[in-house]
Amino acid sequence: MNVSQIVIQGTLQPDGTLVLNETPKLPPGPVEVLIRARPVLADDGLSWWDFLQKARSEMMAQGYKFRTKDEIDAERARQRSADELRKQSLDRRGE
């Protein structure tokens, strides 16, 4: 028994039909179909990660300033400090 397999991309339609991007190059006869969802791509065919990278680059080109690691770390430290003060205040009320 000679078993052949190929991978063809396609789209599953809302009505359950499958539209293949190309004609399978297999001999006629019984086949087995495995359907696996693929990552959703942005309208221009980019993966979600590539889309985010492109969006970031465009924002930077327009002058948007992202926070630096030091700025983020400082904000987190301020928040931790405020949280600790709040916790101490609540602990004192409970005494």
Protein backbone atom coordinates (compact mmCIF):
# COMPACT_ATOMS: atom_id res chain seq x y z
CA MET A 1 0.00 0.00 0.00
CA ASN A 2 1.50 3.33 -1.09
CA VAL A 3 0.47 6.17 1.23
CA SER A 4 0.95 9.75 0.05
CA GLN A 5 0.24 12.92 1.94
CA ILE A 6 0.37 16.62 1.21
CA VAL A 7 -0.38 19.78 3.16
CA ILE A 8 -2.67 22.33 1.54
CA GLN A 9 -3.87 25.55 3.13
CA GLY A 10 -7.54 26.41 2.95
CA THR A 11 -10.43 28.16 4.65
CA LEU A 12 -13.27 26.60 6.59
CA GLN A 13 -16.46 28.44 5.64
CA PRO A 14 -19.26 29.23 8.16
CA ASP A 15 -21.47 26.59 6.51
CA GLY A 16 -18.81 23.90 7.15
CA THR A 17 -17.48 23.65 3.61
CA LEU A 18 -13.74 23.69 3.06
CA VAL A 19 -12.19 25.85 0.31
CA LEU A 20 -8.68 24.73 -0.62
CA ASN A 21 -6.07 27.21 -1.86
CA GLU A 22 -4.90 24.75 -4.54
CA THR A 23 -5.91 21.47 -6.17
CA PRO A 24 -4.45 18.42 -4.39
CA LYS A 25 -1.94 16.52 -6.50
CA LEU A 26 -3.01 13.05 -5.39
CA PRO A 27 -4.59 10.24 -7.35
CA PRO A 28 -8.39 9.95 -7.11
CA GLY A 29 -9.66 7.75 -4.32
CA PRO A 30 -10.42 7.79 -0.60
CA VAL A 31 -8.62 10.41 1.51
CA GLU A 32 -8.42 11.35 5.15
CA VAL A 33 -8.72 15.02 6.12
CA LEU A 34 -7.21 16.56 9.26
CA ILE A 35 -8.36 20.13 9.94
CA ARG A 36 -6.16 22.24 12.20
CA ALA A 37 -6.79 25.91 12.98
CA ARG A 38 -3.97 28.26 11.99
CA PRO A 39 -3.03 31.56 13.63
CA VAL A 40 -5.20 34.42 12.46
CA LEU A 41 -3.24 36.85 10.35
CA ALA A 42 -3.80 40.58 10.09
CA ASP A 43 -5.38 41.90 6.90
CA ASP A 44 -1.99 42.37 5.29
CA GLY A 45 -0.96 38.76 6.00
CA LEU A 46 1.20 39.49 9.05
CA SER A 47 1.26 37.29 12.13
CA TRP A 48 0.09 38.96 15.33
CA TRP A 49 3.71 39.45 16.47
CA ASP A 50 4.80 40.98 13.17
CA PHE A 51 1.69 43.19 13.25
CA LEU A 52 2.62 44.46 16.74
CA GLN A 53 6.21 45.10 15.68
CA LYS A 54 5.02 47.01 12.60
CA ALA A 55 2.56 49.06 14.69
CA ARG A 56 5.31 49.92 17.19
CA SER A 57 7.65 51.02 14.38
CA GLU A 58 4.94 53.21 12.87
CA MET A 59 4.19 54.81 16.25
CA MET A 60 7.88 55.50 16.85
CA ALA A 61 8.16 57.06 13.39
CA GLN A 62 5.31 59.40 14.37
CA GLY A 63 7.19 60.49 17.48
CA TYR A 64 5.50 58.33 20.12
CA LYS A 65 7.83 57.77 23.08
CA PHE A 66 7.61 54.38 24.78
CA ARG A 67 8.63 54.14 28.41
CA THR A 68 12.12 52.86 29.10
CA LYS A 69 12.82 49.85 31.31
CA ASP A 70 14.01 52.22 34.06
CA GLU A 71 10.78 54.24 33.86
CA ILE A 72 8.69 51.08 34.07
CA ASP A 73 10.75 49.74 36.99
CA ALA A 74 10.41 53.07 38.83
CA GLU A 75 6.63 53.06 38.36
CA ARG A 76 6.42 49.49 39.64
CA ALA A 77 8.52 50.41 42.69
CA ARG A 78 6.25 53.41 43.42
CA GLN A 79 3.20 51.17 43.13
CA ARG A 80 4.71 48.52 45.42
CA SER A 81 5.52 51.21 47.97
CA ALA A 82 1.98 52.62 47.82
CA ASP A 83 0.57 49.10 48.16
CA GLU A 84 2.72 48.43 51.19
CA LEU A 85 1.68 51.72 52.85
CA ARG A 86 -1.98 50.86 52.19
CA LYS A 87 -1.51 47.38 53.66
CA GLN A 88 0.17 48.81 56.78
CA SER A 89 -2.66 51.32 57.17
CA LEU A 90 -5.26 48.56 56.96
CA ASP A 91 -3.27 46.39 59.39
CA ARG A 92 -3.17 49.28 61.93
CA ARG A 93 -6.94 49.73 61.64
CA GLY A 94 -7.46 46.06 62.41
CA GLU A 95 -5.41 46.13 65.63
